[in-house]
Amino acid sequence: MNDKQMLALAIGTLVALGLNFLPTAIAFARRHPERALLARINILSILSFLLWLALMAWAVGGARNDAVINRFVNNRAQRPLLIGLLVLLVGGGLAVTLASLGQMPSLAG
């Protein structure tokens, strides 16, 4: 790789990371009540565009009392289900991304 390609890759990576954390920036700018939780979950969205879309909708939605999220977050018994759903969402997004890039490992062996 020459210097121009390396510079383009570095700039592209920085722009992609900046866009990835856009939901967190919006949540903090709008003083979303769950902005800290949204920021922690946003780290996982590097692996899943679907999760990024969900976080963007949550950050922009601006609902002060999101009943769906609060049902899981505030109920300790429901947290394993929330974590499982996040793992499925991230895993599904990663699988779709890898499949679209032709990098999906073969299960046939």
PDB file of N, CA and C in Angstrom:
ATOM      1  N   MET A   1       0.841  -1.182   0.000  1.00  0.00           N
ATOM      2  CA  MET A   1       0.000   0.000   0.000  1.00  0.00           C
ATOM      3  C   MET A   1       0.888   1.248   0.000  1.00  0.00           C
ATOM      4  N   ASN A   2       0.510   2.195  -0.811  1.00  0.00           N
ATOM      5  CA  ASN A   2       1.303   3.429  -0.820  1.00  0.00           C
ATOM      6  C   ASN A   2       0.755   4.413   0.219  1.00  0.00           C
ATOM      7  N   ASP A   3       1.410   5.555   0.326  1.00  0.00           N
ATOM      8  CA  ASP A   3       1.049   6.529   1.352  1.00  0.00           C
ATOM      9  C   ASP A   3      -0.363   7.082   1.179  1.00  0.00           C
ATOM     10  N   LYS A   4      -0.785   7.302  -0.045  1.00  0.00           N
ATOM     11  CA  LYS A   4      -2.133   7.835  -0.290  1.00  0.00           C
ATOM     12  C   LYS A   4      -3.204   6.841   0.122  1.00  0.00           C
ATOM     13  N   GLN A   5      -2.958   5.569  -0.151  1.00  0.00           N
ATOM     14  CA  GLN A   5      -3.922   4.539   0.246  1.00  0.00           C
ATOM     15  C   GLN A   5      -3.997   4.415   1.762  1.00  0.00           C
ATOM     16  N   MET A   6      -2.844   4.500   2.419  1.00  0.00           N
ATOM     17  CA  MET A   6      -2.825   4.429   3.887  1.00  0.00           C
ATOM     18  C   MET A   6      -3.563   5.614   4.500  1.00  0.00           C
ATOM     19  N   LEU A   7      -3.356   6.797   3.944  1.00  0.00           N
ATOM     20  CA  LEU A   7      -4.047   7.986   4.436  1.00  0.00           C
ATOM     21  C   LEU A   7      -5.549   7.863   4.216  1.00  0.00           C
ATOM     22  N   ALA A   8      -5.951   7.371   3.052  1.00  0.00           N
ATOM     23  CA  ALA A   8      -7.380   7.190   2.760  1.00  0.00           C
ATOM     24  C   ALA A   8      -7.997   6.163   3.706  1.00  0.00           C
ATOM     25  N   LEU A   9      -7.264   5.087   3.991  1.00  0.00           N
ATOM     26  CA  LEU A   9      -7.750   4.066   4.925  1.00  0.00           C
ATOM     27  C   LEU A   9      -7.898   4.646   6.331  1.00  0.00           C
ATOM     28  N   ALA A  10      -6.924   5.426   6.771  1.00  0.00           N
ATOM     29  CA  ALA A  10      -6.983   6.038   8.105  1.00  0.00           C
ATOM     30  C   ALA A  10      -8.149   7.014   8.205  1.00  0.00           C
ATOM     31  N   ILE A  11      -8.329   7.842   7.196  1.00  0.00           N
ATOM     32  CA  ILE A  11      -9.440   8.803   7.216  1.00  0.00           C
ATOM     33  C   ILE A  11     -10.774   8.068   7.166  1.00  0.00           C
ATOM     34  N   GLY A  12     -10.864   7.046   6.330  1.00  0.00           N
ATOM     35  CA  GLY A  12     -12.092   6.255   6.244  1.00  0.00           C
ATOM     36  C   GLY A  12     -12.436   5.578   7.563  1.00  0.00           C
ATOM     37  N   THR A  13     -11.423   5.060   8.242  1.00  0.00           N
ATOM     38  CA  THR A  13     -11.632   4.415   9.542  1.00  0.00           C
ATOM     39  C   THR A  13     -12.124   5.426  10.574  1.00  0.00           C
ATOM     40  N   LEU A  14     -11.514   6.597  10.610  1.00  0.00           N
ATOM     41  CA  LEU A  14     -11.945   7.627  11.560  1.00  0.00           C
ATOM     42  C   LEU A  14     -13.371   8.097  11.284  1.00  0.00           C
ATOM     43  N   VAL A  15     -13.715   8.261  10.026  1.00  0.00           N
ATOM     44  CA  VAL A  15     -15.081   8.667   9.670  1.00  0.00           C
ATOM     45  C   VAL A  15     -16.073   7.575  10.061  1.00  0.00           C
ATOM     46  N   ALA A  16     -15.729   6.310   9.790  1.00  0.00           N
ATOM     47  CA  ALA A  16     -16.613   5.197  10.141  1.00  0.00           C
ATOM     48  C   ALA A  16     -16.823   5.118  11.658  1.00  0.00           C
ATOM     49  N   LEU A  17     -15.762   5.285  12.426  1.00  0.00           N
ATOM     50  CA  LEU A  17     -15.898   5.262  13.889  1.00  0.00           C
ATOM     51  C   LEU A  17     -16.720   6.446  14.383  1.00  0.00           C
ATOM     52  N   GLY A  18     -16.501   7.614  13.772  1.00  0.00           N
ATOM     53  CA  GLY A  18     -17.300   8.782  14.148  1.00  0.00           C
ATOM     54  C   GLY A  18     -18.781   8.558  13.882  1.00  0.00           C
ATOM     55  N   LEU A  19     -19.101   7.997  12.727  1.00  0.00           N
ATOM     56  CA  LEU A  19     -20.507   7.707  12.405  1.00  0.00           C
ATOM     57  C   LEU A  19     -21.061   6.612  13.306  1.00  0.00           C
ATOM     58  N   ASN A  20     -20.208   5.652  13.685  1.00  0.00           N
ATOM     59  CA  ASN A  20     -20.670   4.570  14.549  1.00  0.00           C
ATOM     60  C   ASN A  20     -21.149   5.107  15.896  1.00  0.00           C
ATOM     61  N   PHE A  21     -20.457   6.102  16.435  1.00  0.00           N
ATOM     62  CA  PHE A  21     -20.823   6.622  17.744  1.00  0.00           C
ATOM     63  C   PHE A  21     -21.761   7.828  17.663  1.00  0.00           C
ATOM     64  N   LEU A  22     -22.346   8.054  16.511  1.00  0.00           N
ATOM     65  CA  LEU A  22     -23.321   9.127  16.336  1.00  0.00           C
ATOM     66  C   LEU A  22     -24.541   8.971  17.258  1.00  0.00           C
ATOM     67  N   PRO A  23     -25.092   7.749  17.438  1.00  0.00           N
ATOM     68  CA  PRO A  23     -26.221   7.626  18.374  1.00  0.00           C
ATOM     69  C   PRO A  23     -25.873   8.089  19.790  1.00  0.00           C
ATOM     70  N   THR A  24     -24.659   7.794  20.241  1.00  0.00           N
ATOM     71  CA  THR A  24     -24.242   8.230  21.571  1.00  0.00           C
ATOM     72  C   THR A  24     -24.135   9.745  21.635  1.00  0.00           C
ATOM     73  N   ALA A  25     -23.562  10.341  20.611  1.00  0.00           N
ATOM     74  CA  ALA A  25     -23.433  11.804  20.592  1.00  0.00           C
ATOM     75  C   ALA A  25     -24.809  12.467  20.597  1.00  0.00           C
ATOM     76  N   ILE A  26     -25.744  11.923  19.825  1.00  0.00           N
ATOM     77  CA  ILE A  26     -27.108  12.470  19.796  1.00  0.00           C
ATOM     78  C   ILE A  26     -27.769  12.317  21.153  1.00  0.00           C
ATOM     79  N   ALA A  27     -27.597  11.137  21.770  1.00  0.00           N
ATOM     80  CA  ALA A  27     -28.215  10.893  23.083  1.00  0.00           C
ATOM     81  C   ALA A  27     -27.690  11.868  24.129  1.00  0.00           C
ATOM     82  N   PHE A  28     -26.388  12.123  24.139  1.00  0.00           N
ATOM     83  CA  PHE A  28     -25.827  13.060  25.114  1.00  0.00           C
ATOM     84  C   PHE A  28     -26.238  14.491  24.801  1.00  0.00           C
ATOM     85  N   ALA A  29     -26.289  14.850  23.523  1.00  0.00           N
ATOM     86  CA  ALA A  29     -26.695  16.207  23.153  1.00  0.00           C
ATOM     87  C   ALA A  29     -28.151  16.476  23.530  1.00  0.00           C
ATOM     88  N   ARG A  30     -29.001  15.463  23.399  1.00  0.00           N
ATOM     89  CA  ARG A  30     -30.420  15.617  23.715  1.00  0.00           C
ATOM     90  C   ARG A  30     -30.736  15.291  25.171  1.00  0.00           C
ATOM     91  N   ARG A  31     -29.705  14.960  25.939  1.00  0.00           N
ATOM     92  CA  ARG A  31     -29.867  14.594  27.360  1.00  0.00           C
ATOM     93  C   ARG A  31     -30.871  13.459  27.538  1.00  0.00           C
ATOM     94  N   HIS A  32     -30.688  12.429  26.715  1.00  0.00           N
ATOM     95  CA  HIS A  32     -31.544  11.245  26.784  1.00  0.00           C
ATOM     96  C   HIS A  32     -31.396  10.613  28.159  1.00  0.00           C
ATOM     97  N   PRO A  33     -32.478  10.186  28.786  1.00  0.00           N
ATOM     98  CA  PRO A  33     -32.383   9.637  30.146  1.00  0.00           C
ATOM     99  C   PRO A  33     -31.570   8.344  30.234  1.00  0.00           C
ATOM    100  N   GLU A  34     -31.439   7.608  29.154  1.00  0.00           N
ATOM    101  CA  GLU A  34     -30.680   6.360  29.153  1.00  0.00           C
ATOM    102  C   GLU A  34     -29.388   6.497  28.344  1.00  0.00           C
ATOM    103  N   ARG A  35     -28.815   7.691  28.321  1.00  0.00           N
ATOM    104  CA  ARG A  35     -27.651   7.932  27.475  1.00  0.00           C
ATOM    105  C   ARG A  35     -26.436   7.103  27.879  1.00  0.00           C
ATOM    106  N   ALA A  36     -26.249   6.836  29.158  1.00  0.00           N
ATOM    107  CA  ALA A  36     -25.097   6.039  29.583  1.00  0.00           C
ATOM    108  C   ALA A  36     -25.242   4.589  29.104  1.00  0.00           C
ATOM    109  N   LEU A  37     -26.428   4.029  29.230  1.00  0.00           N
ATOM    110  CA  LEU A  37     -26.673   2.673  28.745  1.00  0.00           C
ATOM    111  C   LEU A  37     -26.537   2.623  27.229  1.00  0.00           C
ATOM    112  N   LEU A  38     -27.074   3.614  26.558  1.00  0.00           N
ATOM    113  CA  LEU A  38     -26.980   3.676  25.108  1.00  0.00           C
ATOM    114  C   LEU A  38     -25.514   3.737  24.668  1.00  0.00           C
ATOM    115  N   ALA A  39     -24.698   4.478  25.379  1.00  0.00           N
ATOM    116  CA  ALA A  39     -23.270   4.588  25.042  1.00  0.00           C
ATOM    117  C   ALA A  39     -22.562   3.249  25.212  1.00  0.00           C
ATOM    118  N   ARG A  40     -22.899   2.517  26.270  1.00  0.00           N
ATOM    119  CA  ARG A  40     -22.263   1.210  26.483  1.00  0.00           C
ATOM    120  C   ARG A  40     -22.658   0.221  25.395  1.00  0.00           C
ATOM    121  N   ILE A  41     -23.924   0.220  25.025  1.00  0.00           N
ATOM    122  CA  ILE A  41     -24.392  -0.699  23.982  1.00  0.00           C
ATOM    123  C   ILE A  41     -23.837  -0.295  22.624  1.00  0.00           C
ATOM    124  N   ASN A  42     -23.611   0.999  22.438  1.00  0.00           N
ATOM    125  CA  ASN A  42     -23.121   1.502  21.150  1.00  0.00           C
ATOM    126  C   ASN A  42     -21.773   0.898  20.768  1.00  0.00           C
ATOM    127  N   ILE A  43     -20.989   0.485  21.737  1.00  0.00           N
ATOM    128  CA  ILE A  43     -19.696  -0.142  21.445  1.00  0.00           C
ATOM    129  C   ILE A  43     -19.896  -1.409  20.618  1.00  0.00           C
ATOM    130  N   LEU A  44     -20.949  -2.164  20.903  1.00  0.00           N
ATOM    131  CA  LEU A  44     -21.223  -3.395  20.159  1.00  0.00           C
ATOM    132  C   LEU A  44     -21.664  -3.129  18.733  1.00  0.00           C
ATOM    133  N   SER A  45     -22.155  -1.937  18.461  1.00  0.00           N
ATOM    134  CA  SER A  45     -22.677  -1.670  17.124  1.00  0.00           C
ATOM    135  C   SER A  45     -21.585  -1.600  16.071  1.00  0.00           C
ATOM    136  N   ILE A  46     -20.329  -1.662  16.475  1.00  0.00           N
ATOM    137  CA  ILE A  46     -19.235  -1.768  15.507  1.00  0.00           C
ATOM    138  C   ILE A  46     -19.398  -3.051  14.704  1.00  0.00           C
ATOM    139  N   LEU A  47     -19.973  -4.072  15.329  1.00  0.00           N
ATOM    140  CA  LEU A  47     -20.130  -5.367  14.681  1.00  0.00           C
ATOM    141  C   LEU A  47     -21.464  -5.536  13.962  1.00  0.00           C
ATOM    142  N   SER A  48     -22.420  -4.663  14.198  1.00  0.00           N
ATOM    143  CA  SER A  48     -23.757  -4.884  13.652  1.00  0.00           C
ATOM    144  C   SER A  48     -24.408  -3.572  13.224  1.00  0.00           C
ATOM    145  N   PHE A  49     -24.681  -3.454  11.943  1.00  0.00           N
ATOM    146  CA  PHE A  49     -25.376  -2.278  11.441  1.00  0.00           C
ATOM    147  C   PHE A  49     -26.826  -2.264  11.925  1.00  0.00           C
ATOM    148  N   LEU A  50     -27.433  -3.449  12.101  1.00  0.00           N
ATOM    149  CA  LEU A  50     -28.810  -3.513  12.601  1.00  0.00           C
ATOM    150  C   LEU A  50     -28.905  -2.938  14.012  1.00  0.00           C
ATOM    151  N   LEU A  51     -27.930  -3.253  14.844  1.00  0.00           N
ATOM    152  CA  LEU A  51     -27.903  -2.699  16.197  1.00  0.00           C
ATOM    153  C   LEU A  51     -27.698  -1.196  16.136  1.00  0.00           C
ATOM    154  N   TRP A  52     -26.853  -0.722  15.221  1.00  0.00           N
ATOM    155  CA  TRP A  52     -26.625   0.707  15.069  1.00  0.00           C
ATOM    156  C   TRP A  52     -27.925   1.411  14.709  1.00  0.00           C
ATOM    157  N   LEU A  53     -28.702   0.829  13.798  1.00  0.00           N
ATOM    158  CA  LEU A  53     -29.989   1.420  13.422  1.00  0.00           C
ATOM    159  C   LEU A  53     -30.942   1.484  14.613  1.00  0.00           C
ATOM    160  N   ALA A  54     -30.977   0.411  15.401  1.00  0.00           N
ATOM    161  CA  ALA A  54     -31.849   0.401  16.580  1.00  0.00           C
ATOM    162  C   ALA A  54     -31.415   1.468  17.583  1.00  0.00           C
ATOM    163  N   LEU A  55     -30.117   1.613  17.791  1.00  0.00           N
ATOM    164  CA  LEU A  55     -29.615   2.625  18.714  1.00  0.00           C
ATOM    165  C   LEU A  55     -29.886   4.036  18.206  1.00  0.00           C
ATOM    166  N   MET A  56     -29.771   4.224  16.895  1.00  0.00           N
ATOM    167  CA  MET A  56     -30.057   5.541  16.321  1.00  0.00           C
ATOM    168  C   MET A  56     -31.525   5.900  16.545  1.00  0.00           C
ATOM    169  N   ALA A  57     -32.411   4.933  16.317  1.00  0.00           N
ATOM    170  CA  ALA A  57     -33.841   5.177  16.539  1.00  0.00           C
ATOM    171  C   ALA A  57     -34.108   5.487  18.010  1.00  0.00           C
ATOM    172  N   TRP A  58     -33.434   4.781  18.900  1.00  0.00           N
ATOM    173  CA  TRP A  58     -33.620   4.993  20.336  1.00  0.00           C
ATOM    174  C   TRP A  58     -33.106   6.373  20.731  1.00  0.00           C
ATOM    175  N   ALA A  59     -31.955   6.768  20.202  1.00  0.00           N
ATOM    176  CA  ALA A  59     -31.373   8.066  20.557  1.00  0.00           C
ATOM    177  C   ALA A  59     -32.208   9.220  20.012  1.00  0.00           C
ATOM    178  N   VAL A  60     -32.686   9.083  18.789  1.00  0.00           N
ATOM    179  CA  VAL A  60     -33.445  10.154  18.154  1.00  0.00           C
ATOM    180  C   VAL A  60     -34.874  10.198  18.667  1.00  0.00           C
ATOM    181  N   GLY A  61     -35.394   9.043  19.070  1.00  0.00           N
ATOM    182  CA  GLY A  61     -36.779   8.956  19.532  1.00  0.00           C
ATOM    183  C   GLY A  61     -37.094   9.923  20.651  1.00  0.00           C
ATOM    184  N   GLY A  62     -36.161  10.102  21.548  1.00  0.00           N
ATOM    185  CA  GLY A  62     -36.321  11.087  22.600  1.00  0.00           C
ATOM    186  C   GLY A  62     -37.401  10.774  23.615  1.00  0.00           C
ATOM    187  N   ALA A  63     -37.889   9.550  23.627  1.00  0.00           N
ATOM    188  CA  ALA A  63     -38.918   9.188  24.593  1.00  0.00           C
ATOM    189  C   ALA A  63     -38.308   9.204  25.997  1.00  0.00           C
ATOM    190  N   ARG A  64     -38.943   9.927  26.887  1.00  0.00           N
ATOM    191  CA  ARG A  64     -38.424  10.030  28.251  1.00  0.00           C
ATOM    192  C   ARG A  64     -38.662   8.755  29.056  1.00  0.00           C
ATOM    193  N   ASN A  65     -39.659   7.987  28.686  1.00  0.00           N
ATOM    194  CA  ASN A  65     -39.954   6.754  29.402  1.00  0.00           C
ATOM    195  C   ASN A  65     -40.257   5.671  28.377  1.00  0.00           C
ATOM    196  N   ASP A  66     -39.215   5.098  27.824  1.00  0.00           N
ATOM    197  CA  ASP A  66     -39.381   4.067  26.816  1.00  0.00           C
ATOM    198  C   ASP A  66     -39.773   2.768  27.514  1.00  0.00           C
ATOM    199  N   ALA A  67     -41.037   2.430  27.425  1.00  0.00           N
ATOM    200  CA  ALA A  67     -41.574   1.287  28.167  1.00  0.00           C
ATOM    201  C   ALA A  67     -40.921  -0.026  27.762  1.00  0.00           C
ATOM    202  N   VAL A  68     -40.606  -0.214  26.508  1.00  0.00           N
ATOM    203  CA  VAL A  68     -40.009  -1.470  26.061  1.00  0.00           C
ATOM    204  C   VAL A  68     -38.623  -1.639  26.655  1.00  0.00           C
ATOM    205  N   ILE A  69     -37.798  -0.602  26.582  1.00  0.00           N
ATOM    206  CA  ILE A  69     -36.447  -0.691  27.135  1.00  0.00           C
ATOM    207  C   ILE A  69     -36.501  -0.796  28.652  1.00  0.00           C
ATOM    208  N   ASN A  70     -37.308   0.027  29.297  1.00  0.00           N
ATOM    209  CA  ASN A  70     -37.389   0.010  30.755  1.00  0.00           C
ATOM    210  C   ASN A  70     -37.887  -1.328  31.294  1.00  0.00           C
ATOM    211  N   ARG A  71     -38.718  -1.998  30.527  1.00  0.00           N
ATOM    212  CA  ARG A  71     -39.226  -3.298  30.965  1.00  0.00           C
ATOM    213  C   ARG A  71     -38.071  -4.269  31.175  1.00  0.00           C
ATOM    214  N   PHE A  72     -37.049  -4.204  30.320  1.00  0.00           N
ATOM    215  CA  PHE A  72     -35.910  -5.112  30.437  1.00  0.00           C
ATOM    216  C   PHE A  72     -34.815  -4.553  31.333  1.00  0.00           C
ATOM    217  N   VAL A  73     -34.518  -3.275  31.207  1.00  0.00           N
ATOM    218  CA  VAL A  73     -33.394  -2.688  31.918  1.00  0.00           C
ATOM    219  C   VAL A  73     -33.659  -2.611  33.409  1.00  0.00           C
ATOM    220  N   ASN A  74     -34.854  -2.217  33.800  1.00  0.00           N
ATOM    221  CA  ASN A  74     -35.157  -2.028  35.217  1.00  0.00           C
ATOM    222  C   ASN A  74     -35.564  -3.308  35.927  1.00  0.00           C
ATOM    223  N   ASN A  75     -35.753  -4.390  35.196  1.00  0.00           N
ATOM    224  CA  ASN A  75     -36.157  -5.662  35.783  1.00  0.00           C
ATOM    225  C   ASN A  75     -34.974  -6.622  35.717  1.00  0.00           C
ATOM    226  N   ARG A  76     -34.368  -6.896  36.863  1.00  0.00           N
ATOM    227  CA  ARG A  76     -33.169  -7.747  36.887  1.00  0.00           C
ATOM    228  C   ARG A  76     -33.457  -9.155  36.356  1.00  0.00           C
ATOM    229  N   ALA A  77     -34.653  -9.646  36.516  1.00  0.00           N
ATOM    230  CA  ALA A  77     -34.984 -10.983  36.027  1.00  0.00           C
ATOM    231  C   ALA A  77     -34.997 -11.030  34.497  1.00  0.00           C
ATOM    232  N   GLN A  78     -35.251  -9.903  33.848  1.00  0.00           N
ATOM    233  CA  GLN A  78     -35.326  -9.850  32.390  1.00  0.00           C
ATOM    234  C   GLN A  78     -33.972  -9.553  31.733  1.00  0.00           C
ATOM    235  N   ARG A  79     -32.964  -9.210  32.497  1.00  0.00           N
ATOM    236  CA  ARG A  79     -31.678  -8.839  31.906  1.00  0.00           C
ATOM    237  C   ARG A  79     -31.033  -9.955  31.086  1.00  0.00           C
ATOM    238  N   PRO A  80     -31.101 -11.229  31.518  1.00  0.00           N
ATOM    239  CA  PRO A  80     -30.533 -12.273  30.649  1.00  0.00           C
ATOM    240  C   PRO A  80     -31.205 -12.313  29.273  1.00  0.00           C
ATOM    241  N   LEU A  81     -32.498 -12.063  29.227  1.00  0.00           N
ATOM    242  CA  LEU A  81     -33.194 -12.029  27.944  1.00  0.00           C
ATOM    243  C   LEU A  81     -32.705 -10.863  27.103  1.00  0.00           C
ATOM    244  N   LEU A  82     -32.514  -9.706  27.729  1.00  0.00           N
ATOM    245  CA  LEU A  82     -32.000  -8.536  27.012  1.00  0.00           C
ATOM    246  C   LEU A  82     -30.611  -8.810  26.462  1.00  0.00           C
ATOM    247  N   ILE A  83     -29.750  -9.418  27.259  1.00  0.00           N
ATOM    248  CA  ILE A  83     -28.399  -9.741  26.806  1.00  0.00           C
ATOM    249  C   ILE A  83     -28.451 -10.747  25.663  1.00  0.00           C
ATOM    250  N   GLY A  84     -29.329 -11.740  25.771  1.00  0.00           N
ATOM    251  CA  GLY A  84     -29.490 -12.715  24.696  1.00  0.00           C
ATOM    252  C   GLY A  84     -29.954 -12.072  23.403  1.00  0.00           C
ATOM    253  N   LEU A  85     -30.900 -11.144  23.505  1.00  0.00           N
ATOM    254  CA  LEU A  85     -31.372 -10.446  22.312  1.00  0.00           C
ATOM    255  C   LEU A  85     -30.269  -9.608  21.679  1.00  0.00           C
ATOM    256  N   LEU A  86     -29.462  -8.951  22.507  1.00  0.00           N
ATOM    257  CA  LEU A  86     -28.335  -8.173  21.985  1.00  0.00           C
ATOM    258  C   LEU A  86     -27.319  -9.071  21.289  1.00  0.00           C
ATOM    259  N   VAL A  87     -27.038 -10.241  21.891  1.00  0.00           N
ATOM    260  CA  VAL A  87     -26.093 -11.169  21.275  1.00  0.00           C
ATOM    261  C   VAL A  87     -26.631 -11.645  19.924  1.00  0.00           C
ATOM    262  N   LEU A  88     -27.931 -11.962  19.851  1.00  0.00           N
ATOM    263  CA  LEU A  88     -28.526 -12.385  18.587  1.00  0.00           C
ATOM    264  C   LEU A  88     -28.482 -11.274  17.552  1.00  0.00           C
ATOM    265  N   LEU A  89     -28.773 -10.049  17.967  1.00  0.00           N
ATOM    266  CA  LEU A  89     -28.760  -8.928  17.044  1.00  0.00           C
ATOM    267  C   LEU A  89     -27.362  -8.656  16.514  1.00  0.00           C
ATOM    268  N   VAL A  90     -26.375  -8.661  17.406  1.00  0.00           N
ATOM    269  CA  VAL A  90     -24.995  -8.434  16.981  1.00  0.00           C
ATOM    270  C   VAL A  90     -24.505  -9.602  16.129  1.00  0.00           C
ATOM    271  N   GLY A  91     -24.784 -10.822  16.568  1.00  0.00           N
ATOM    272  CA  GLY A  91     -24.366 -11.995  15.792  1.00  0.00           C
ATOM    273  C   GLY A  91     -25.013 -12.041  14.424  1.00  0.00           C
ATOM    274  N   GLY A  92     -26.296 -11.721  14.362  1.00  0.00           N
ATOM    275  CA  GLY A  92     -26.991 -11.692  13.078  1.00  0.00           C
ATOM    276  C   GLY A  92     -26.426 -10.635  12.154  1.00  0.00           C
ATOM    277  N   GLY A  93     -26.160  -9.466  12.694  1.00  0.00           N
ATOM    278  CA  GLY A  93     -25.571  -8.399  11.892  1.00  0.00           C
ATOM    279  C   GLY A  93     -24.187  -8.763  11.398  1.00  0.00           C
ATOM    280  N   LEU A  94     -23.394  -9.403  12.257  1.00  0.00           N
ATOM    281  CA  LEU A  94     -22.054  -9.821  11.865  1.00  0.00           C
ATOM    282  C   LEU A  94     -22.117 -10.899  10.788  1.00  0.00           C
ATOM    283  N   ALA A  95     -23.049 -11.847  10.946  1.00  0.00           N
ATOM    284  CA  ALA A  95     -23.197 -12.915   9.946  1.00  0.00           C
ATOM    285  C   ALA A  95     -23.615 -12.341   8.593  1.00  0.00           C
ATOM    286  N   VAL A  96     -24.548 -11.395   8.593  1.00  0.00           N
ATOM    287  CA  VAL A  96     -24.977 -10.771   7.341  1.00  0.00           C
ATOM    288  C   VAL A  96     -23.818 -10.015   6.698  1.00  0.00           C
ATOM    289  N   THR A  97     -23.058  -9.301   7.512  1.00  0.00           N
ATOM    290  CA  THR A  97     -21.910  -8.557   6.990  1.00  0.00           C
ATOM    291  C   THR A  97     -20.869  -9.503   6.395  1.00  0.00           C
ATOM    292  N   LEU A  98     -20.540 -10.563   7.116  1.00  0.00           N
ATOM    293  CA  LEU A  98     -19.551 -11.521   6.616  1.00  0.00           C
ATOM    294  C   LEU A  98     -20.046 -12.227   5.363  1.00  0.00           C
ATOM    295  N   ALA A  99     -21.318 -12.583   5.336  1.00  0.00           N
ATOM    296  CA  ALA A  99     -21.875 -13.248   4.157  1.00  0.00           C
ATOM    297  C   ALA A  99     -21.839 -12.323   2.942  1.00  0.00           C
ATOM    298  N   SER A 100     -22.126 -11.043   3.156  1.00  0.00           N
ATOM    299  CA  SER A 100     -22.106 -10.110   2.036  1.00  0.00           C
ATOM    300  C   SER A 100     -20.700  -9.866   1.523  1.00  0.00           C
ATOM    301  N   LEU A 101     -19.716 -10.034   2.389  1.00  0.00           N
ATOM    302  CA  LEU A 101     -18.325  -9.874   1.976  1.00  0.00           C
ATOM    303  C   LEU A 101     -17.720 -11.179   1.468  1.00  0.00           C
ATOM    304  N   GLY A 102     -18.478 -12.274   1.538  1.00  0.00           N
ATOM    305  CA  GLY A 102     -17.979 -13.561   1.096  1.00  0.00           C
ATOM    306  C   GLY A 102     -16.997 -14.187   2.065  1.00  0.00           C
ATOM    307  N   GLN A 103     -17.046 -13.782   3.332  1.00  0.00           N
ATOM    308  CA  GLN A 103     -16.104 -14.269   4.330  1.00  0.00           C
ATOM    309  C   GLN A 103     -16.735 -15.226   5.322  1.00  0.00           C
ATOM    310  N   MET A 104     -17.968 -15.631   5.093  1.00  0.00           N
ATOM    311  CA  MET A 104     -18.667 -16.497   6.024  1.00  0.00           C
ATOM    312  C   MET A 104     -18.001 -17.879   6.031  1.00  0.00           C
ATOM    313  N   PRO A 105     -17.592 -18.379   7.208  1.00  0.00           N
ATOM    314  CA  PRO A 105     -16.950 -19.696   7.251  1.00  0.00           C
ATOM    315  C   PRO A 105     -17.948 -20.783   6.872  1.00  0.00           C
ATOM    316  N   SER A 106     -17.458 -21.787   6.209  1.00  0.00           N
ATOM    317  CA  SER A 106     -18.302 -22.888   5.768  1.00  0.00           C
ATOM    318  C   SER A 106     -18.538 -23.854   6.925  1.00  0.00           C
ATOM    319  N   LEU A 107     -19.778 -24.294   7.081  1.00  0.00           N
ATOM    320  CA  LEU A 107     -20.105 -25.255   8.129  1.00  0.00           C
ATOM    321  C   LEU A 107     -19.899 -26.688   7.646  1.00  0.00           C
ATOM    322  N   ALA A 108     -19.671 -26.874   6.341  1.00  0.00           N
ATOM    323  CA  ALA A 108     -19.527 -28.207   5.772  1.00  0.00           C
ATOM    324  C   ALA A 108     -18.181 -28.833   6.124  1.00  0.00           C
ATOM    325  N   GLY A 109     -17.228 -28.013   6.508  1.00  0.00           N
ATOM    326  CA  GLY A 109     -15.934 -28.549   6.932  1.00  0.00           C
ATOM    327  C   GLY A 109     -14.995 -28.582   5.877  1.00  0.00           C
TER     328      GLY A 109
END
